[in-house]
Amino acid sequence: MRWLLLVCLGLCLPAWSATDYSLKPRQIADGTWLLEGSTDNFAKANGGNIVNTGFIVTEAGVVVIDTGPSKRYGEALRQAIAATTDKPVVQVLLTHHHPDHVLGNQAFSDVSIGALLGTTDLLRQQGDALAENMYRLVGDWMRGTEVVLPTQALSPGTLKVGDHSLRLLALAGHTGADLAILDETTGVLFAGDLVFYERALTTPNSPGLEVWLKDLDTLQALPWKQIVPGHGPMATDARPFSQMRDYLGWLDQLMRDGAARGDDMAEMIRSPIPERFAGISLSRYELIRSVSHLYPRYERVGMKRVDTHAPD
């Protein structure tokens, strides 16, 4: 009987080890820790760990910035926090509703989970479909994961937690409801997916690239010292903003010109990508997606109505 149990354990262990996130927090400022995901796409090999999450250890407890792509990630994040500090988790802040940022909420259901009202509405509307898609993309990593809605509505302003003063900004360029968090105590800016760096941006819920560009102006004008993008490496200079503006400007002009010429969507997705973006992860993949998300709007703007005419 004992040998049978050992055989069963041997068969099970590879499956468990294959779904171990092995999160390793890296301290980036006083009391501030970053868990940096890859810049790859969702895959069974990475369990959806393509996102940057973080936590801030304050005198009053720990503030968590985003909870990751699955229940298992959330649990691993909580374990990583416990291995770093004996302070309790007292607050979760969600930057937006996309699955890689919120599907770890189950691991934090005992504390306040804060988000903008628009984020909660979007997660209520889209959450189940987003989770189902994540199950399809990353498989066993998602076992037991369910959508947990935020429990606290956040408003723009200052949130004081212990010895840290967090400025909350309600922006819109990425999803229509995007929270950015500036820790005024350390100067660390958690930009969420308003900033991608060395990884092509995603646009499924964007209200428009012009809105996004204005948000970048707002963020860059803040007194930040370090920028934590939603995806890609942390930075201490303005290069993420420059890259974002350059990419958004190119994408906007590409679709304006295409609509003016009457190009169809198939032609647009084959557009050459400038050499300066060649090193950005997933640039072709995300161009295809962005054209499918946004190009119909550019086409509508460029269309002339043929069902009206001047009176005789």
Protein backbone atom coordinates (compact mmCIF):
# COMPACT_ATOMS: atom_id res chain seq x y z
CA MET A 1 0.00 0.00 0.00
CA ARG A 2 2.86 2.33 0.90
CA TRP A 3 4.54 1.83 -2.47
CA LEU A 4 1.27 2.65 -4.22
CA LEU A 5 1.00 5.92 -2.28
CA LEU A 6 4.57 6.83 -3.22
CA VAL A 7 3.85 6.14 -6.88
CA CYS A 8 0.76 8.37 -6.74
CA LEU A 9 2.75 11.15 -5.09
CA GLY A 10 5.45 10.80 -7.73
CA LEU A 11 2.88 11.19 -10.45
CA CYS A 12 1.30 14.23 -8.81
CA LEU A 13 4.43 16.18 -7.88
CA PRO A 14 5.46 17.13 -11.43
CA ALA A 15 2.00 18.59 -12.04
CA TRP A 16 2.22 20.69 -8.87
CA SER A 17 5.79 21.83 -9.48
CA ALA A 18 4.89 22.73 -13.06
CA THR A 19 2.33 25.21 -11.72
CA ASP A 20 4.53 26.92 -9.14
CA TYR A 21 4.86 30.65 -9.81
CA SER A 22 8.01 30.91 -7.64
CA LEU A 23 7.41 34.61 -7.08
CA LYS A 24 10.48 36.56 -5.98
CA PRO A 25 9.72 40.10 -4.77
CA ARG A 26 12.40 42.70 -5.48
CA GLN A 27 12.70 45.77 -3.29
CA ILE A 28 12.69 48.95 -5.39
CA ALA A 29 12.17 51.63 -2.73
CA ASP A 30 11.65 52.02 1.00
CA GLY A 31 9.01 49.44 1.95
CA THR A 32 8.15 48.88 -1.72
CA TRP A 33 8.41 45.57 -3.54
CA LEU A 34 7.92 44.61 -7.18
CA LEU A 35 7.04 41.23 -8.69
CA GLU A 36 7.89 41.53 -12.37
CA GLY A 37 6.24 39.27 -14.92
CA SER A 38 7.52 38.38 -18.37
CA THR A 39 6.74 40.37 -21.51
CA ASP A 40 5.49 37.24 -23.30
CA ASN A 41 1.91 36.42 -24.17
CA PHE A 42 -0.36 34.27 -22.00
CA ALA A 43 0.78 30.65 -22.19
CA LYS A 44 0.64 27.40 -20.28
CA ALA A 45 4.39 27.75 -19.77
CA ASN A 46 4.04 30.96 -17.73
CA GLY A 47 0.62 30.55 -16.12
CA GLY A 48 -0.35 34.04 -17.21
CA ASN A 49 2.45 35.62 -15.17
CA ILE A 50 3.02 38.42 -17.65
CA VAL A 51 2.03 41.20 -15.27
CA ASN A 52 3.75 43.44 -12.77
CA THR A 53 2.27 43.40 -9.29
CA GLY A 54 3.62 45.01 -6.15
CA PHE A 55 3.16 45.70 -2.49
CA ILE A 56 3.98 48.49 -0.07
CA VAL A 57 4.80 47.75 3.56
CA THR A 58 3.54 50.61 5.75
CA GLU A 59 3.36 51.10 9.51
CA ALA A 60 -0.34 50.20 9.36
CA GLY A 61 0.03 47.12 7.16
CA VAL A 62 0.59 46.05 3.57
CA VAL A 63 -0.99 47.60 0.47
CA VAL A 64 -1.14 45.26 -2.55
CA ILE A 65 -1.17 46.64 -6.10
CA ASP A 66 -3.06 44.15 -8.31
CA THR A 67 -3.50 40.46 -7.47
CA GLY A 68 -2.39 38.64 -10.62
CA PRO A 69 -3.92 36.24 -13.15
CA SER A 70 -5.22 33.37 -11.00
CA LYS A 71 -6.17 32.22 -7.52
CA ARG A 72 -2.88 30.34 -7.36
CA TYR A 73 -0.93 33.48 -8.23
CA GLY A 74 -2.79 35.42 -5.54
CA GLU A 75 -1.94 32.74 -3.00
CA ALA A 76 1.71 32.78 -4.07
CA LEU A 77 1.74 36.57 -3.80
CA ARG A 78 0.33 36.39 -0.32
CA GLN A 79 2.99 33.86 0.67
CA ALA A 80 5.70 36.09 -0.78
CA ILE A 81 4.39 39.00 1.28
CA ALA A 82 4.36 36.88 4.45
CA ALA A 83 7.96 35.86 3.78
CA THR A 84 8.93 39.53 3.48
CA THR A 85 7.11 41.10 6.43
CA ASP A 86 5.01 40.13 9.43
CA LYS A 87 2.67 43.07 8.79
CA PRO A 88 -0.87 42.09 7.77
CA VAL A 89 -2.31 42.88 4.36
CA VAL A 90 -4.80 45.71 4.92
CA GLN A 91 -5.63 46.99 1.42
CA VAL A 92 -5.72 45.83 -2.20
CA LEU A 93 -5.77 48.38 -5.02
CA LEU A 94 -6.76 47.21 -8.52
CA THR A 95 -5.53 49.27 -11.45
CA HIS A 96 -8.16 47.96 -13.91
CA HIS A 97 -10.34 44.95 -14.69
CA HIS A 98 -8.21 42.89 -17.08
CA PRO A 99 -7.80 39.28 -15.92
CA ASP A 100 -4.04 39.23 -15.38
CA HIS A 101 -4.49 42.00 -12.80
CA VAL A 102 -7.55 40.84 -10.83
CA LEU A 103 -8.09 37.07 -10.91
CA GLY A 104 -5.94 36.60 -7.80
CA ASN A 105 -8.58 38.44 -5.75
CA GLN A 106 -9.75 35.24 -4.04
CA ALA A 107 -6.53 35.12 -2.03
CA PHE A 108 -7.34 38.55 -0.58
CA SER A 109 -11.07 38.17 0.10
CA ASP A 110 -10.50 38.88 3.81
CA VAL A 111 -9.31 42.46 3.18
CA SER A 112 -10.69 45.52 1.42
CA ILE A 113 -10.32 45.27 -2.36
CA GLY A 114 -10.51 48.76 -3.84
CA ALA A 115 -11.15 49.78 -7.44
CA LEU A 116 -12.74 52.56 -9.45
CA LEU A 117 -16.49 52.11 -9.93
CA GLY A 118 -15.95 51.73 -13.66
CA THR A 119 -13.51 48.90 -13.04
CA THR A 120 -16.04 47.07 -10.89
CA ASP A 121 -18.73 47.52 -13.54
CA LEU A 122 -16.46 46.21 -16.29
CA LEU A 123 -15.39 43.23 -14.20
CA ARG A 124 -19.02 42.44 -13.42
CA GLN A 125 -19.88 42.56 -17.13
CA GLN A 126 -16.82 40.83 -18.57
CA GLY A 127 -15.24 38.91 -15.70
CA ASP A 128 -16.67 35.47 -16.34
CA ALA A 129 -15.79 35.59 -20.05
CA LEU A 130 -12.28 36.84 -19.25
CA ALA A 131 -11.75 34.07 -16.70
CA GLU A 132 -13.03 31.46 -19.13
CA ASN A 133 -10.56 32.68 -21.74
CA MET A 134 -7.73 32.48 -19.20
CA TYR A 135 -8.68 28.86 -18.45
CA ARG A 136 -8.37 28.17 -22.17
CA LEU A 137 -5.02 29.93 -22.47
CA VAL A 138 -3.15 28.71 -19.39
CA GLY A 139 -4.98 25.56 -18.29
CA ASP A 140 -4.26 24.05 -14.87
CA TRP A 141 -2.82 27.26 -13.45
CA MET A 142 -6.39 28.53 -13.23
CA ARG A 143 -7.85 25.67 -11.18
CA GLY A 144 -10.33 26.98 -8.61
CA THR A 145 -10.14 30.55 -9.90
CA GLU A 146 -13.37 32.53 -9.75
CA VAL A 147 -14.15 36.19 -10.26
CA VAL A 148 -14.24 38.18 -7.02
CA LEU A 149 -15.54 41.73 -7.37
CA PRO A 150 -13.98 44.70 -5.56
CA THR A 151 -15.54 45.58 -2.22
CA GLN A 152 -14.51 49.24 -2.02
CA ALA A 153 -15.20 52.07 -4.45
CA LEU A 154 -12.17 54.33 -4.88
CA SER A 155 -12.22 58.00 -5.78
CA PRO A 156 -9.41 60.27 -6.95
CA GLY A 157 -7.51 61.83 -4.10
CA THR A 158 -5.10 60.87 -1.35
CA LEU A 159 -5.25 57.57 0.50
CA LYS A 160 -3.21 57.58 3.68
CA VAL A 161 -2.04 54.18 4.86
CA GLY A 162 0.31 54.27 7.82
CA ASP A 163 3.36 56.35 6.90
CA HIS A 164 2.65 56.28 3.16
CA SER A 165 0.56 58.81 1.27
CA LEU A 166 -0.89 57.33 -1.93
CA ARG A 167 -2.25 59.65 -4.60
CA LEU A 168 -5.00 57.91 -6.56
CA LEU A 169 -5.67 59.06 -10.13
CA ALA A 170 -8.75 58.07 -12.11
CA LEU A 171 -7.81 57.92 -15.80
CA ALA A 172 -9.29 56.21 -18.84
CA GLY A 173 -6.97 55.61 -21.80
CA HIS A 174 -6.45 51.86 -21.50
CA THR A 175 -9.89 50.55 -20.44
CA GLY A 176 -12.08 53.57 -19.70
CA ALA A 177 -11.48 53.07 -15.96
CA ASP A 178 -7.79 53.07 -15.08
CA LEU A 179 -6.31 53.69 -11.66
CA ALA A 180 -2.75 54.98 -11.31
CA ILE A 181 -1.12 55.18 -7.89
CA LEU A 182 1.68 57.56 -6.96
CA ASP A 183 3.28 56.81 -3.62
CA GLU A 184 4.15 60.36 -2.60
CA THR A 185 6.31 59.00 0.21
CA THR A 186 8.76 57.21 -2.11
CA GLY A 187 8.01 58.64 -5.56
CA VAL A 188 7.10 55.23 -7.01
CA LEU A 189 4.40 55.49 -9.68
CA PHE A 190 2.35 52.34 -10.25
CA ALA A 191 1.00 53.19 -13.69
CA GLY A 192 -0.92 50.00 -14.39
CA ASP A 193 -1.51 49.32 -18.06
CA LEU A 194 -1.53 52.99 -18.93
CA VAL A 195 2.18 52.34 -19.42
CA PHE A 196 3.67 49.37 -21.27
CA TYR A 197 7.44 49.29 -21.70
CA GLU A 198 9.36 47.07 -24.12
CA ARG A 199 6.08 45.23 -24.68
CA ALA A 200 3.39 46.22 -27.20
CA LEU A 201 0.31 47.75 -25.62
CA THR A 202 -3.16 46.18 -25.70
CA THR A 203 -6.31 48.03 -26.74
CA PRO A 204 -9.47 45.90 -26.30
CA ASN A 205 -11.30 48.44 -24.12
CA SER A 206 -9.54 51.69 -25.00
CA PRO A 207 -11.92 54.63 -25.55
CA GLY A 208 -9.40 56.11 -27.97
CA LEU A 209 -5.70 56.67 -28.43
CA GLU A 210 -6.11 60.42 -28.01
CA VAL A 211 -7.48 59.80 -24.50
CA TRP A 212 -4.52 57.58 -23.71
CA LEU A 213 -2.02 60.20 -24.88
CA LYS A 214 -3.59 62.80 -22.57
CA ASP A 215 -3.32 60.36 -19.67
CA LEU A 216 0.39 59.98 -20.35
CA ASP A 217 0.77 63.76 -20.07
CA THR A 218 -0.99 63.64 -16.70
CA LEU A 219 1.21 60.83 -15.41
CA GLN A 220 4.50 62.24 -16.63
CA ALA A 221 3.77 65.58 -14.96
CA LEU A 222 3.61 63.88 -11.53
CA PRO A 223 6.62 64.09 -9.16
CA TRP A 224 7.60 60.46 -9.73
CA LYS A 225 11.05 58.96 -9.19
CA GLN A 226 10.40 55.43 -10.49
CA ILE A 227 7.79 54.09 -12.88
CA VAL A 228 6.31 50.62 -12.55
CA PRO A 229 4.49 49.85 -15.83
CA GLY A 230 1.74 47.27 -15.98
CA HIS A 231 3.99 45.23 -18.28
CA GLY A 232 7.72 45.51 -18.80
CA PRO A 233 10.72 46.60 -16.76
CA MET A 234 10.64 49.30 -14.12
CA ALA A 235 12.35 52.58 -15.05
CA THR A 236 13.85 55.59 -13.34
CA ASP A 237 13.68 57.88 -16.36
CA ALA A 238 11.09 58.99 -18.89
CA ARG A 239 11.86 56.38 -21.54
CA PRO A 240 8.61 54.44 -20.96
CA PHE A 241 6.62 57.62 -21.61
CA SER A 242 8.63 58.41 -24.74
CA GLN A 243 8.19 54.90 -26.09
CA MET A 244 4.45 54.91 -25.34
CA ARG A 245 3.90 58.28 -27.03
CA ASP A 246 5.92 57.22 -30.06
CA TYR A 247 4.04 53.93 -30.40
CA LEU A 248 0.59 55.43 -29.83
CA GLY A 249 1.30 58.25 -32.27
CA TRP A 250 2.48 55.81 -34.92
CA LEU A 251 -0.54 53.54 -34.40
CA ASP A 252 -2.97 56.46 -34.57
CA GLN A 253 -1.41 57.88 -37.77
CA LEU A 254 -1.23 54.42 -39.35
CA MET A 255 -4.97 53.93 -38.97
CA ARG A 256 -5.83 57.50 -39.98
CA ASP A 257 -3.85 57.12 -43.18
CA GLY A 258 -5.31 53.69 -43.86
CA ALA A 259 -8.86 54.94 -43.45
CA ALA A 260 -8.15 57.91 -45.72
CA ARG A 261 -6.88 55.55 -48.43
CA GLY A 262 -9.79 53.16 -47.95
CA ASP A 263 -7.56 50.26 -46.91
CA ASP A 264 -9.39 47.27 -45.48
CA MET A 265 -8.54 45.58 -42.21
CA ALA A 266 -6.59 42.78 -43.90
CA GLU A 267 -4.29 45.35 -45.49
CA MET A 268 -3.85 47.20 -42.22
CA ILE A 269 -2.69 44.20 -40.22
CA ARG A 270 0.05 43.58 -42.80
CA SER A 271 1.45 47.10 -42.35
CA PRO A 272 5.21 47.21 -41.82
CA ILE A 273 6.30 47.85 -38.24
CA PRO A 274 8.96 50.56 -37.91
CA GLU A 275 12.44 49.35 -37.11
CA ARG A 276 12.47 51.33 -33.86
CA PHE A 277 9.73 49.04 -32.55
CA ALA A 278 11.37 45.82 -33.69
CA GLY A 279 12.61 45.03 -30.19
CA ILE A 280 9.24 45.53 -28.54
CA SER A 281 7.72 42.20 -27.53
CA LEU A 282 4.58 41.05 -29.40
CA SER A 283 4.45 44.10 -31.68
CA ARG A 284 2.99 42.20 -34.68
CA TYR A 285 0.53 40.25 -32.55
CA GLU A 286 -0.76 43.38 -30.83
CA LEU A 287 -0.93 45.34 -34.08
CA ILE A 288 -3.33 42.72 -35.42
CA ARG A 289 -5.44 42.97 -32.27
CA SER A 290 -5.37 46.78 -32.18
CA VAL A 291 -6.49 47.03 -35.80
CA SER A 292 -9.40 44.70 -35.05
CA HIS A 293 -10.34 46.70 -31.95
CA LEU A 294 -9.90 50.25 -33.23
CA TYR A 295 -9.81 50.45 -37.04
CA PRO A 296 -13.59 50.36 -37.54
CA ARG A 297 -13.81 53.66 -35.63
CA TYR A 298 -11.29 55.26 -37.98
CA GLU A 299 -13.19 53.92 -40.96
CA ARG A 300 -16.47 55.38 -39.66
CA VAL A 301 -14.90 58.78 -39.19
CA GLY A 302 -13.56 58.70 -42.74
CA MET A 303 -16.79 57.58 -44.35
CA LYS A 304 -18.99 60.03 -46.25
CA ARG A 305 -22.72 59.56 -45.98
CA VAL A 306 -24.42 58.67 -49.26
CA ASP A 307 -27.99 58.59 -47.94
CA THR A 308 -28.33 62.37 -47.81
CA HIS A 309 -28.05 65.05 -50.45
CA ALA A 310 -28.43 68.76 -50.72
CA PRO A 311 -31.99 70.01 -51.33
CA ASP A 312 -32.95 70.91 -54.90
